[in-house]
Amino acid sequence: MTSFADAVTETDTGVRIALDVSAGAKKTVFPAGYNEWRRSIRCQIAAPAVGGRANKEIVRVVADTIGIPQSSVAIASGATSSQKSIQIIGKARADVLAVLKPLLGT
């Protein structure tokens, strides 16, 4: 069985998280599970994928969950896709995994 840690990779400036996003959900939930096939963490966003609203909500919920300012979170790739890569600046992989592990129940 693959671990959710495969979705989190170290970069020169921080960490990248692979996300599998469902926009227009009943409520916003991050993390909402792990997709083993895509090796990505699931993220449900209540905002619709219109006018960048879902992307703004993703940045907000990821920043709130990790406990960092929104200015430290950016969508690195997949701005118009349900599969996104999120860049977190200034955090170590171990720190992000320590936050996500209890939330994913692993």
Foldseek 3Di string as FASTA:
>chain_A
DDDLLQQWDADPFGIKGKEQEDELDPDWDPQPEADPVVSHGYTYHNHHLPPQPRVVRVLVVLCVQLVHDSVQKDFPDDSPHSITMIGGGPYYSVSSCVSCPVVNPD
